[in-house]
Amino acid sequence: MFNKTTRWQKIAEHINELIPEDVALGILEVDGKKMTIGRRGDIMFVCAHKCPHAGGILSQGFIDALGNLVCPLHRFKFNPCNGFNVSGEGYYLRHWPIECREDGVWIGMEEK
């Protein structure tokens, strides 16, 4: 998805500033773009703010026992790390790379 035109942007010193709990969802805004940020243990992800099906606000959904992001409107499920719809409807969820490094939390954004 990303190539040499990806720029990495620091978004926090530590993941706990963004998502303080082990299993939680929140809203992140980078460069004026709203995104959903999530955490399940050591796994973090950043994906679209709204579900591609009917526009449900994904941060109002939940993370199921398998680690899938579940939309609050129609319960469509997505693998938040690769964007694929896992409940069979065929939708794709935009997502961005996120990394915890020694110097903070970074997100990969496409160059403008």
PDB file of N, CA and C in Angstrom:
ATOM      1  N   MET A   1       0.814  -1.191   0.000  1.00  0.00           N
ATOM      2  CA  MET A   1       0.000   0.000   0.000  1.00  0.00           C
ATOM      3  C   MET A   1       0.858   1.256   0.000  1.00  0.00           C
ATOM      4  N   PHE A   2       1.952   1.264   0.760  1.00  0.00           N
ATOM      5  CA  PHE A   2       2.785   2.453   0.829  1.00  0.00           C
ATOM      6  C   PHE A   2       4.127   2.167   0.173  1.00  0.00           C
ATOM      7  N   ASN A   3       4.683   3.190  -0.417  1.00  0.00           N
ATOM      8  CA  ASN A   3       5.966   3.050  -1.093  1.00  0.00           C
ATOM      9  C   ASN A   3       6.874   4.197  -0.678  1.00  0.00           C
ATOM     10  N   LYS A   4       7.815   4.581  -1.534  1.00  0.00           N
ATOM     11  CA  LYS A   4       8.776   5.615  -1.158  1.00  0.00           C
ATOM     12  C   LYS A   4       8.149   6.993  -0.998  1.00  0.00           C
ATOM     13  N   THR A   5       6.875   7.165  -1.324  1.00  0.00           N
ATOM     14  CA  THR A   5       6.217   8.447  -1.115  1.00  0.00           C
ATOM     15  C   THR A   5       5.494   8.498   0.228  1.00  0.00           C
ATOM     16  N   THR A   6       5.769   7.524   1.082  1.00  0.00           N
ATOM     17  CA  THR A   6       5.201   7.521   2.426  1.00  0.00           C
ATOM     18  C   THR A   6       6.059   8.391   3.328  1.00  0.00           C
ATOM     19  N   ARG A   7       5.399   9.231   4.113  1.00  0.00           N
ATOM     20  CA  ARG A   7       6.120  10.009   5.120  1.00  0.00           C
ATOM     21  C   ARG A   7       5.617   9.578   6.490  1.00  0.00           C
ATOM     22  N   TRP A   8       6.520   9.450   7.414  1.00  0.00           N
ATOM     23  CA  TRP A   8       6.178   9.028   8.775  1.00  0.00           C
ATOM     24  C   TRP A   8       6.025  10.261   9.641  1.00  0.00           C
ATOM     25  N   GLN A   9       4.938  10.295  10.389  1.00  0.00           N
ATOM     26  CA  GLN A   9       4.631  11.441  11.228  1.00  0.00           C
ATOM     27  C   GLN A   9       4.430  10.974  12.673  1.00  0.00           C
ATOM     28  N   LYS A  10       5.102  11.636  13.579  1.00  0.00           N
ATOM     29  CA  LYS A  10       4.967  11.293  14.992  1.00  0.00           C
ATOM     30  C   LYS A  10       3.623  11.811  15.498  1.00  0.00           C
ATOM     31  N   ILE A  11       2.876  10.930  16.191  1.00  0.00           N
ATOM     32  CA  ILE A  11       1.554  11.325  16.681  1.00  0.00           C
ATOM     33  C   ILE A  11       1.459  11.311  18.206  1.00  0.00           C
ATOM     34  N   ALA A  12       2.422  10.718  18.904  1.00  0.00           N
ATOM     35  CA  ALA A  12       2.419  10.690  20.367  1.00  0.00           C
ATOM     36  C   ALA A  12       3.763  10.194  20.880  1.00  0.00           C
ATOM     37  N   GLU A  13       4.010  10.459  22.142  1.00  0.00           N
ATOM     38  CA  GLU A  13       5.209   9.941  22.791  1.00  0.00           C
ATOM     39  C   GLU A  13       5.035   8.464  23.137  1.00  0.00           C
ATOM     40  N   HIS A  14       3.801   8.072  23.524  1.00  0.00           N
ATOM     41  CA  HIS A  14       3.519   6.702  23.937  1.00  0.00           C
ATOM     42  C   HIS A  14       2.087   6.355  23.561  1.00  0.00           C
ATOM     43  N   ILE A  15       1.826   5.094  23.257  1.00  0.00           N
ATOM     44  CA  ILE A  15       0.485   4.665  22.840  1.00  0.00           C
ATOM     45  C   ILE A  15      -0.562   4.957  23.917  1.00  0.00           C
ATOM     46  N   ASN A  16      -0.179   4.954  25.186  1.00  0.00           N
ATOM     47  CA  ASN A  16      -1.139   5.225  26.259  1.00  0.00           C
ATOM     48  C   ASN A  16      -1.724   6.633  26.192  1.00  0.00           C
ATOM     49  N   GLU A  17      -1.040   7.562  25.537  1.00  0.00           N
ATOM     50  CA  GLU A  17      -1.590   8.908  25.330  1.00  0.00           C
ATOM     51  C   GLU A  17      -2.786   8.865  24.386  1.00  0.00           C
ATOM     52  N   LEU A  18      -2.775   7.909  23.474  1.00  0.00           N
ATOM     53  CA  LEU A  18      -3.825   7.805  22.461  1.00  0.00           C
ATOM     54  C   LEU A  18      -4.919   6.830  22.872  1.00  0.00           C
ATOM     55  N   ILE A  19      -4.506   5.664  23.335  1.00  0.00           N
ATOM     56  CA  ILE A  19      -5.421   4.594  23.738  1.00  0.00           C
ATOM     57  C   ILE A  19      -4.905   4.043  25.073  1.00  0.00           C
ATOM     58  N   PRO A  20      -5.493   4.465  26.193  1.00  0.00           N
ATOM     59  CA  PRO A  20      -4.949   4.059  27.495  1.00  0.00           C
ATOM     60  C   PRO A  20      -5.268   2.626  27.915  1.00  0.00           C
ATOM     61  N   GLU A  21      -6.239   1.999  27.282  1.00  0.00           N
ATOM     62  CA  GLU A  21      -6.632   0.653  27.682  1.00  0.00           C
ATOM     63  C   GLU A  21      -6.095  -0.380  26.699  1.00  0.00           C
ATOM     64  N   ASP A  22      -6.023  -1.640  27.134  1.00  0.00           N
ATOM     65  CA  ASP A  22      -5.508  -2.714  26.278  1.00  0.00           C
ATOM     66  C   ASP A  22      -6.419  -3.040  25.100  1.00  0.00           C
ATOM     67  N   VAL A  23      -7.730  -2.913  25.280  1.00  0.00           N
ATOM     68  CA  VAL A  23      -8.676  -3.152  24.185  1.00  0.00           C
ATOM     69  C   VAL A  23      -9.582  -1.938  24.107  1.00  0.00           C
ATOM     70  N   ALA A  24      -9.323  -1.093  23.109  1.00  0.00           N
ATOM     71  CA  ALA A  24     -10.092   0.148  23.014  1.00  0.00           C
ATOM     72  C   ALA A  24      -9.999   0.744  21.618  1.00  0.00           C
ATOM     73  N   LEU A  25     -10.962   1.619  21.325  1.00  0.00           N
ATOM     74  CA  LEU A  25     -11.002   2.368  20.075  1.00  0.00           C
ATOM     75  C   LEU A  25     -11.063   3.851  20.397  1.00  0.00           C
ATOM     76  N   GLY A  26     -10.554   4.657  19.482  1.00  0.00           N
ATOM     77  CA  GLY A  26     -10.619   6.099  19.648  1.00  0.00           C
ATOM     78  C   GLY A  26     -10.568   6.789  18.306  1.00  0.00           C
ATOM     79  N   ILE A  27     -10.591   8.093  18.348  1.00  0.00           N
ATOM     80  CA  ILE A  27     -10.515   8.910  17.133  1.00  0.00           C
ATOM     81  C   ILE A  27      -9.177   9.619  17.126  1.00  0.00           C
ATOM     82  N   LEU A  28      -8.540   9.614  15.975  1.00  0.00           N
ATOM     83  CA  LEU A  28      -7.262  10.269  15.763  1.00  0.00           C
ATOM     84  C   LEU A  28      -7.446  11.234  14.599  1.00  0.00           C
ATOM     85  N   GLU A  29      -6.875  12.417  14.711  1.00  0.00           N
ATOM     86  CA  GLU A  29      -6.915  13.358  13.592  1.00  0.00           C
ATOM     87  C   GLU A  29      -5.493  13.730  13.218  1.00  0.00           C
ATOM     88  N   VAL A  30      -5.139  13.471  11.953  1.00  0.00           N
ATOM     89  CA  VAL A  30      -3.812  13.773  11.431  1.00  0.00           C
ATOM     90  C   VAL A  30      -3.995  14.534  10.127  1.00  0.00           C
ATOM     91  N   ASP A  31      -3.371  15.683  10.037  1.00  0.00           N
ATOM     92  CA  ASP A  31      -3.472  16.529   8.838  1.00  0.00           C
ATOM     93  C   ASP A  31      -4.926  16.813   8.465  1.00  0.00           C
ATOM     94  N   GLY A  32      -5.778  17.020   9.461  1.00  0.00           N
ATOM     95  CA  GLY A  32      -7.190  17.318   9.202  1.00  0.00           C
ATOM     96  C   GLY A  32      -8.025  16.122   8.802  1.00  0.00           C
ATOM     97  N   LYS A  33      -7.469  14.927   8.874  1.00  0.00           N
ATOM     98  CA  LYS A  33      -8.169  13.702   8.480  1.00  0.00           C
ATOM     99  C   LYS A  33      -8.512  12.893   9.723  1.00  0.00           C
ATOM    100  N   LYS A  34      -9.803  12.614   9.917  1.00  0.00           N
ATOM    101  CA  LYS A  34     -10.235  11.779  11.035  1.00  0.00           C
ATOM    102  C   LYS A  34     -10.029  10.314  10.701  1.00  0.00           C
ATOM    103  N   MET A  35      -9.524   9.573  11.690  1.00  0.00           N
ATOM    104  CA  MET A  35      -9.265   8.151  11.541  1.00  0.00           C
ATOM    105  C   MET A  35      -9.675   7.456  12.832  1.00  0.00           C
ATOM    106  N   THR A  36      -9.859   6.158  12.756  1.00  0.00           N
ATOM    107  CA  THR A  36     -10.088   5.350  13.947  1.00  0.00           C
ATOM    108  C   THR A  36      -8.754   4.737  14.345  1.00  0.00           C
ATOM    109  N   ILE A  37      -8.434   4.840  15.625  1.00  0.00           N
ATOM    110  CA  ILE A  37      -7.234   4.201  16.142  1.00  0.00           C
ATOM    111  C   ILE A  37      -7.690   3.148  17.141  1.00  0.00           C
ATOM    112  N   GLY A  38      -7.031   2.012  17.104  1.00  0.00           N
ATOM    113  CA  GLY A  38      -7.419   0.931  17.996  1.00  0.00           C
ATOM    114  C   GLY A  38      -6.232   0.202  18.563  1.00  0.00           C
ATOM    115  N   ARG A  39      -6.525  -0.494  19.639  1.00  0.00           N
ATOM    116  CA  ARG A  39      -5.484  -1.256  20.320  1.00  0.00           C
ATOM    117  C   ARG A  39      -6.118  -2.499  20.920  1.00  0.00           C
ATOM    118  N   ARG A  40      -5.437  -3.608  20.714  1.00  0.00           N
ATOM    119  CA  ARG A  40      -5.819  -4.871  21.359  1.00  0.00           C
ATOM    120  C   ARG A  40      -4.520  -5.524  21.815  1.00  0.00           C
ATOM    121  N   GLY A  41      -4.185  -5.320  23.075  1.00  0.00           N
ATOM    122  CA  GLY A  41      -2.907  -5.794  23.586  1.00  0.00           C
ATOM    123  C   GLY A  41      -1.763  -5.074  22.907  1.00  0.00           C
ATOM    124  N   ASP A  42      -0.855  -5.833  22.301  1.00  0.00           N
ATOM    125  CA  ASP A  42       0.295  -5.246  21.619  1.00  0.00           C
ATOM    126  C   ASP A  42      -0.010  -4.857  20.170  1.00  0.00           C
ATOM    127  N   ILE A  43      -1.199  -5.164  19.690  1.00  0.00           N
ATOM    128  CA  ILE A  43      -1.561  -4.852  18.300  1.00  0.00           C
ATOM    129  C   ILE A  43      -2.254  -3.502  18.251  1.00  0.00           C
ATOM    130  N   MET A  44      -1.723  -2.623  17.403  1.00  0.00           N
ATOM    131  CA  MET A  44      -2.323  -1.308  17.184  1.00  0.00           C
ATOM    132  C   MET A  44      -2.706  -1.192  15.722  1.00  0.00           C
ATOM    133  N   PHE A  45      -3.690  -0.358  15.452  1.00  0.00           N
ATOM    134  CA  PHE A  45      -4.067  -0.113  14.063  1.00  0.00           C
ATOM    135  C   PHE A  45      -4.667   1.271  13.915  1.00  0.00           C
ATOM    136  N   VAL A  46      -4.591   1.772  12.701  1.00  0.00           N
ATOM    137  CA  VAL A  46      -5.243   3.024  12.327  1.00  0.00           C
ATOM    138  C   VAL A  46      -5.978   2.740  11.027  1.00  0.00           C
ATOM    139  N   CYS A  47      -7.265   3.051  10.994  1.00  0.00           N
ATOM    140  CA  CYS A  47      -8.070   2.788   9.804  1.00  0.00           C
ATOM    141  C   CYS A  47      -9.068   3.923   9.589  1.00  0.00           C
ATOM    142  N   ALA A  48      -9.872   3.789   8.573  1.00  0.00           N
ATOM    143  CA  ALA A  48     -10.864   4.809   8.228  1.00  0.00           C
ATOM    144  C   ALA A  48     -11.765   5.141   9.411  1.00  0.00           C
ATOM    145  N   HIS A  49     -12.254   6.357   9.429  1.00  0.00           N
ATOM    146  CA  HIS A  49     -13.157   6.829  10.481  1.00  0.00           C
ATOM    147  C   HIS A  49     -14.556   6.227  10.327  1.00  0.00           C
ATOM    148  N   LYS A  50     -14.955   6.021   9.062  1.00  0.00           N
ATOM    149  CA  LYS A  50     -16.302   5.526   8.777  1.00  0.00           C
ATOM    150  C   LYS A  50     -16.253   4.201   8.025  1.00  0.00           C
ATOM    151  N   CYS A  51     -17.243   3.362   8.280  1.00  0.00           N
ATOM    152  CA  CYS A  51     -17.374   2.087   7.593  1.00  0.00           C
ATOM    153  C   CYS A  51     -17.659   2.335   6.106  1.00  0.00           C
ATOM    154  N   PRO A  52     -17.018   1.582   5.210  1.00  0.00           N
ATOM    155  CA  PRO A  52     -17.257   1.769   3.776  1.00  0.00           C
ATOM    156  C   PRO A  52     -18.658   1.325   3.336  1.00  0.00           C
ATOM    157  N   HIS A  53     -19.383   0.595   4.148  1.00  0.00           N
ATOM    158  CA  HIS A  53     -20.718   0.131   3.784  1.00  0.00           C
ATOM    159  C   HIS A  53     -21.758   1.240   3.923  1.00  0.00           C
ATOM    160  N   ALA A  54     -21.971   1.730   5.152  1.00  0.00           N
ATOM    161  CA  ALA A  54     -23.041   2.697   5.377  1.00  0.00           C
ATOM    162  C   ALA A  54     -22.604   3.884   6.226  1.00  0.00           C
ATOM    163  N   GLY A  55     -21.304   4.045   6.401  1.00  0.00           N
ATOM    164  CA  GLY A  55     -20.799   5.227   7.086  1.00  0.00           C
ATOM    165  C   GLY A  55     -20.863   5.199   8.600  1.00  0.00           C
ATOM    166  N   GLY A  56     -20.997   4.030   9.194  1.00  0.00           N
ATOM    167  CA  GLY A  56     -20.980   3.946  10.658  1.00  0.00           C
ATOM    168  C   GLY A  56     -19.657   4.433  11.209  1.00  0.00           C
ATOM    169  N   ILE A  57     -19.701   5.132  12.330  1.00  0.00           N
ATOM    170  CA  ILE A  57     -18.481   5.636  12.962  1.00  0.00           C
ATOM    171  C   ILE A  57     -17.794   4.462  13.657  1.00  0.00           C
ATOM    172  N   LEU A  58     -16.670   4.043  13.117  1.00  0.00           N
ATOM    173  CA  LEU A  58     -16.029   2.812  13.571  1.00  0.00           C
ATOM    174  C   LEU A  58     -15.518   2.887  15.010  1.00  0.00           C
ATOM    175  N   SER A  59     -15.166   4.074  15.484  1.00  0.00           N
ATOM    176  CA  SER A  59     -14.708   4.187  16.869  1.00  0.00           C
ATOM    177  C   SER A  59     -15.844   3.935  17.862  1.00  0.00           C
ATOM    178  N   GLN A  60     -17.079   3.916  17.381  1.00  0.00           N
ATOM    179  CA  GLN A  60     -18.228   3.596  18.226  1.00  0.00           C
ATOM    180  C   GLN A  60     -18.564   2.107  18.186  1.00  0.00           C
ATOM    181  N   GLY A  61     -17.811   1.353  17.391  1.00  0.00           N
ATOM    182  CA  GLY A  61     -17.977  -0.093  17.318  1.00  0.00           C
ATOM    183  C   GLY A  61     -17.187  -0.765  18.423  1.00  0.00           C
ATOM    184  N   PHE A  62     -16.713  -1.970  18.146  1.00  0.00           N
ATOM    185  CA  PHE A  62     -15.930  -2.686  19.147  1.00  0.00           C
ATOM    186  C   PHE A  62     -14.971  -3.643  18.466  1.00  0.00           C
ATOM    187  N   ILE A  63     -14.035  -4.156  19.254  1.00  0.00           N
ATOM    188  CA  ILE A  63     -13.087  -5.167  18.791  1.00  0.00           C
ATOM    189  C   ILE A  63     -13.570  -6.496  19.355  1.00  0.00           C
ATOM    190  N   ASP A  64     -13.830  -7.462  18.460  1.00  0.00           N
ATOM    191  CA  ASP A  64     -14.341  -8.751  18.927  1.00  0.00           C
ATOM    192  C   ASP A  64     -13.213  -9.639  19.465  1.00  0.00           C
ATOM    193  N   ALA A  65     -13.578 -10.823  19.920  1.00  0.00           N
ATOM    194  CA  ALA A  65     -12.614 -11.745  20.542  1.00  0.00           C
ATOM    195  C   ALA A  65     -11.515 -12.192  19.586  1.00  0.00           C
ATOM    196  N   LEU A  66     -11.772 -12.117  18.265  1.00  0.00           N
ATOM    197  CA  LEU A  66     -10.768 -12.506  17.277  1.00  0.00           C
ATOM    198  C   LEU A  66      -9.902 -11.329  16.828  1.00  0.00           C
ATOM    199  N   GLY A  67     -10.174 -10.139  17.354  1.00  0.00           N
ATOM    200  CA  GLY A  67      -9.394  -8.964  16.983  1.00  0.00           C
ATOM    201  C   GLY A  67      -9.952  -8.196  15.811  1.00  0.00           C
ATOM    202  N   ASN A  68     -11.151  -8.552  15.346  1.00  0.00           N
ATOM    203  CA  ASN A  68     -11.771  -7.843  14.232  1.00  0.00           C
ATOM    204  C   ASN A  68     -12.447  -6.572  14.723  1.00  0.00           C
ATOM    205  N   LEU A  69     -12.428  -5.548  13.894  1.00  0.00           N
ATOM    206  CA  LEU A  69     -13.144  -4.313  14.166  1.00  0.00           C
ATOM    207  C   LEU A  69     -14.574  -4.487  13.670  1.00  0.00           C
ATOM    208  N   VAL A  70     -15.541  -4.268  14.539  1.00  0.00           N
ATOM    209  CA  VAL A  70     -16.948  -4.492  14.211  1.00  0.00           C
ATOM    210  C   VAL A  70     -17.661  -3.151  14.120  1.00  0.00           C
ATOM    211  N   CYS A  71     -18.296  -2.899  12.987  1.00  0.00           N
ATOM    212  CA  CYS A  71     -19.036  -1.656  12.767  1.00  0.00           C
ATOM    213  C   CYS A  71     -20.275  -1.629  13.664  1.00  0.00           C
ATOM    214  N   PRO A  72     -20.593  -0.476  14.259  1.00  0.00           N
ATOM    215  CA  PRO A  72     -21.751  -0.407  15.151  1.00  0.00           C
ATOM    216  C   PRO A  72     -23.100  -0.451  14.437  1.00  0.00           C
ATOM    217  N   LEU A  73     -23.134  -0.162  13.144  1.00  0.00           N
ATOM    218  CA  LEU A  73     -24.424  -0.124  12.450  1.00  0.00           C
ATOM    219  C   LEU A  73     -24.949  -1.494  12.048  1.00  0.00           C
ATOM    220  N   HIS A  74     -24.177  -2.225  11.263  1.00  0.00           N
ATOM    221  CA  HIS A  74     -24.655  -3.493  10.711  1.00  0.00           C
ATOM    222  C   HIS A  74     -23.776  -4.678  11.087  1.00  0.00           C
ATOM    223  N   ARG A  75     -22.832  -4.452  11.987  1.00  0.00           N
ATOM    224  CA  ARG A  75     -21.953  -5.508  12.504  1.00  0.00           C
ATOM    225  C   ARG A  75     -21.033  -6.118  11.441  1.00  0.00           C
ATOM    226  N   PHE A  76     -20.745  -5.374  10.378  1.00  0.00           N
ATOM    227  CA  PHE A  76     -19.747  -5.848   9.430  1.00  0.00           C
ATOM    228  C   PHE A  76     -18.415  -5.892  10.165  1.00  0.00           C
ATOM    229  N   LYS A  77     -17.608  -6.905   9.861  1.00  0.00           N
ATOM    230  CA  LYS A  77     -16.344  -7.108  10.555  1.00  0.00           C
ATOM    231  C   LYS A  77     -15.177  -6.922   9.593  1.00  0.00           C
ATOM    232  N   PHE A  78     -14.125  -6.286  10.098  1.00  0.00           N
ATOM    233  CA  PHE A  78     -12.932  -6.016   9.305  1.00  0.00           C
ATOM    234  C   PHE A  78     -11.695  -6.412  10.087  1.00  0.00           C
ATOM    235  N   ASN A  79     -10.701  -6.952   9.362  1.00  0.00           N
ATOM    236  CA  ASN A  79      -9.379  -7.127   9.944  1.00  0.00           C
ATOM    237  C   ASN A  79      -8.749  -5.735   9.890  1.00  0.00           C
ATOM    238  N   PRO A  80      -8.551  -5.085  11.025  1.00  0.00           N
ATOM    239  CA  PRO A  80      -8.086  -3.701  10.987  1.00  0.00           C
ATOM    240  C   PRO A  80      -6.637  -3.541  10.549  1.00  0.00           C
ATOM    241  N   CYS A  81      -5.876  -4.608  10.541  1.00  0.00           N
ATOM    242  CA  CYS A  81      -4.471  -4.517  10.146  1.00  0.00           C
ATOM    243  C   CYS A  81      -4.275  -4.585   8.632  1.00  0.00           C
ATOM    244  N   ASN A  82      -5.206  -5.235   7.916  1.00  0.00           N
ATOM    245  CA  ASN A  82      -5.060  -5.297   6.458  1.00  0.00           C
ATOM    246  C   ASN A  82      -6.269  -4.736   5.712  1.00  0.00           C
ATOM    247  N   GLY A  83      -7.331  -4.385   6.435  1.00  0.00           N
ATOM    248  CA  GLY A  83      -8.496  -3.741   5.828  1.00  0.00           C
ATOM    249  C   GLY A  83      -9.522  -4.670   5.225  1.00  0.00           C
ATOM    250  N   PHE A  84      -9.242  -5.971   5.182  1.00  0.00           N
ATOM    251  CA  PHE A  84     -10.179  -6.885   4.528  1.00  0.00           C
ATOM    252  C   PHE A  84     -11.415  -7.146   5.377  1.00  0.00           C
ATOM    253  N   ASN A  85     -12.545  -7.183   4.710  1.00  0.00           N
ATOM    254  CA  ASN A  85     -13.824  -7.508   5.334  1.00  0.00           C
ATOM    255  C   ASN A  85     -13.835  -9.004   5.590  1.00  0.00           C
ATOM    256  N   VAL A  86     -14.044  -9.426   6.849  1.00  0.00           N
ATOM    257  CA  VAL A  86     -13.977 -10.840   7.186  1.00  0.00           C
ATOM    258  C   VAL A  86     -15.350 -11.469   7.396  1.00  0.00           C
ATOM    259  N   SER A  87     -16.415 -10.661   7.288  1.00  0.00           N
ATOM    260  CA  SER A  87     -17.757 -11.216   7.464  1.00  0.00           C
ATOM    261  C   SER A  87     -18.454 -11.472   6.138  1.00  0.00           C
ATOM    262  N   GLY A  88     -17.715 -11.341   5.021  1.00  0.00           N
ATOM    263  CA  GLY A  88     -18.207 -11.815   3.736  1.00  0.00           C
ATOM    264  C   GLY A  88     -18.896 -10.828   2.822  1.00  0.00           C
ATOM    265  N   GLU A  89     -19.003  -9.563   3.203  1.00  0.00           N
ATOM    266  CA  GLU A  89     -19.727  -8.609   2.357  1.00  0.00           C
ATOM    267  C   GLU A  89     -18.880  -8.013   1.236  1.00  0.00           C
ATOM    268  N   GLY A  90     -17.558  -8.172   1.303  1.00  0.00           N
ATOM    269  CA  GLY A  90     -16.686  -7.745   0.212  1.00  0.00           C
ATOM    270  C   GLY A  90     -16.188  -6.313   0.287  1.00  0.00           C
ATOM    271  N   TYR A  91     -16.375  -5.631   1.390  1.00  0.00           N
ATOM    272  CA  TYR A  91     -15.898  -4.256   1.524  1.00  0.00           C
ATOM    273  C   TYR A  91     -14.432  -4.243   1.935  1.00  0.00           C
ATOM    274  N   TYR A  92     -13.794  -3.108   1.702  1.00  0.00           N
ATOM    275  CA  TYR A  92     -12.398  -2.927   2.072  1.00  0.00           C
ATOM    276  C   TYR A  92     -12.288  -1.664   2.915  1.00  0.00           C
ATOM    277  N   LEU A  93     -11.559  -1.740   4.002  1.00  0.00           N
ATOM    278  CA  LEU A  93     -11.400  -0.640   4.946  1.00  0.00           C
ATOM    279  C   LEU A  93     -10.017  -0.037   4.786  1.00  0.00           C
ATOM    280  N   ARG A  94      -9.973   1.238   4.464  1.00  0.00           N
ATOM    281  CA  ARG A  94      -8.682   1.917   4.317  1.00  0.00           C
ATOM    282  C   ARG A  94      -7.958   1.895   5.661  1.00  0.00           C
ATOM    283  N   HIS A  95      -6.650   1.697   5.624  1.00  0.00           N
ATOM    284  CA  HIS A  95      -5.858   1.645   6.850  1.00  0.00           C
ATOM    285  C   HIS A  95      -4.465   2.220   6.590  1.00  0.00           C
ATOM    286  N   TRP A  96      -3.783   2.576   7.668  1.00  0.00           N
ATOM    287  CA  TRP A  96      -2.462   3.183   7.594  1.00  0.00           C
ATOM    288  C   TRP A  96      -1.526   2.439   8.536  1.00  0.00           C
ATOM    289  N   PRO A  97      -0.243   2.371   8.194  1.00  0.00           N
ATOM    290  CA  PRO A  97       0.712   1.714   9.091  1.00  0.00           C
ATOM    291  C   PRO A  97       0.964   2.567  10.336  1.00  0.00           C
ATOM    292  N   ILE A  98       1.133   1.912  11.462  1.00  0.00           N
ATOM    293  CA  ILE A  98       1.436   2.588  12.717  1.00  0.00           C
ATOM    294  C   ILE A  98       2.548   1.795  13.398  1.00  0.00           C
ATOM    295  N   GLU A  99       3.474   2.516  14.010  1.00  0.00           N
ATOM    296  CA  GLU A  99       4.602   1.865  14.681  1.00  0.00           C
ATOM    297  C   GLU A  99       4.883   2.542  16.007  1.00  0.00           C
ATOM    298  N   CYS A 100       5.148   1.722  17.020  1.00  0.00           N
ATOM    299  CA  CYS A 100       5.685   2.222  18.289  1.00  0.00           C
ATOM    300  C   CYS A 100       7.192   2.088  18.209  1.00  0.00           C
ATOM    301  N   ARG A 101       7.869   3.202  18.343  1.00  0.00           N
ATOM    302  CA  ARG A 101       9.330   3.216  18.314  1.00  0.00           C
ATOM    303  C   ARG A 101       9.841   3.745  19.652  1.00  0.00           C
ATOM    304  N   GLU A 102      11.151   3.683  19.848  1.00  0.00           N
ATOM    305  CA  GLU A 102      11.733   4.200  21.088  1.00  0.00           C
ATOM    306  C   GLU A 102      11.420   5.671  21.300  1.00  0.00           C
ATOM    307  N   ASP A 103      11.303   6.412  20.206  1.00  0.00           N
ATOM    308  CA  ASP A 103      11.077   7.857  20.317  1.00  0.00           C
ATOM    309  C   ASP A 103       9.608   8.259  20.146  1.00  0.00           C
ATOM    310  N   GLY A 104       8.681   7.303  20.146  1.00  0.00           N
ATOM    311  CA  GLY A 104       7.271   7.661  20.074  1.00  0.00           C
ATOM    312  C   GLY A 104       6.459   6.769  19.167  1.00  0.00           C
ATOM    313  N   VAL A 105       5.229   7.199  18.925  1.00  0.00           N
ATOM    314  CA  VAL A 105       4.285   6.483  18.062  1.00  0.00           C
ATOM    315  C   VAL A 105       4.221   7.225  16.736  1.00  0.00           C
ATOM    316  N   TRP A 106       4.377   6.483  15.642  1.00  0.00           N
ATOM    317  CA  TRP A 106       4.453   7.076  14.308  1.00  0.00           C
ATOM    318  C   TRP A 106       3.405   6.452  13.403  1.00  0.00           C
ATOM    319  N   ILE A 107       2.851   7.271  12.499  1.00  0.00           N
ATOM    320  CA  ILE A 107       1.893   6.795  11.500  1.00  0.00           C
ATOM    321  C   ILE A 107       2.453   7.125  10.121  1.00  0.00           C
ATOM    322  N   GLY A 108       2.282   6.182   9.183  1.00  0.00           N
ATOM    323  CA  GLY A 108       2.730   6.381   7.809  1.00  0.00           C
ATOM    324  C   GLY A 108       1.611   7.001   6.982  1.00  0.00           C
ATOM    325  N   MET A 109       1.880   8.150   6.398  1.00  0.00           N
ATOM    326  CA  MET A 109       0.898   8.869   5.582  1.00  0.00           C
ATOM    327  C   MET A 109       1.425   9.016   4.166  1.00  0.00           C
ATOM    328  N   GLU A 110       0.529   9.037   3.216  1.00  0.00           N
ATOM    329  CA  GLU A 110       0.933   9.245   1.833  1.00  0.00           C
ATOM    330  C   GLU A 110       1.380  10.701   1.662  1.00  0.00           C
ATOM    331  N   GLU A 111       2.427  10.899   0.883  1.00  0.00           N
ATOM    332  CA  GLU A 111       2.864  12.259   0.572  1.00  0.00           C
ATOM    333  C   GLU A 111       1.766  12.970  -0.198  1.00  0.00           C
ATOM    334  N   LYS A 112       1.602  14.228   0.109  1.00  0.00           N
ATOM    335  CA  LYS A 112       0.588  15.028  -0.604  1.00  0.00           C
ATOM    336  C   LYS A 112       1.138  15.504  -1.915  1.00  0.00           C
TER     337      LYS A 112
END
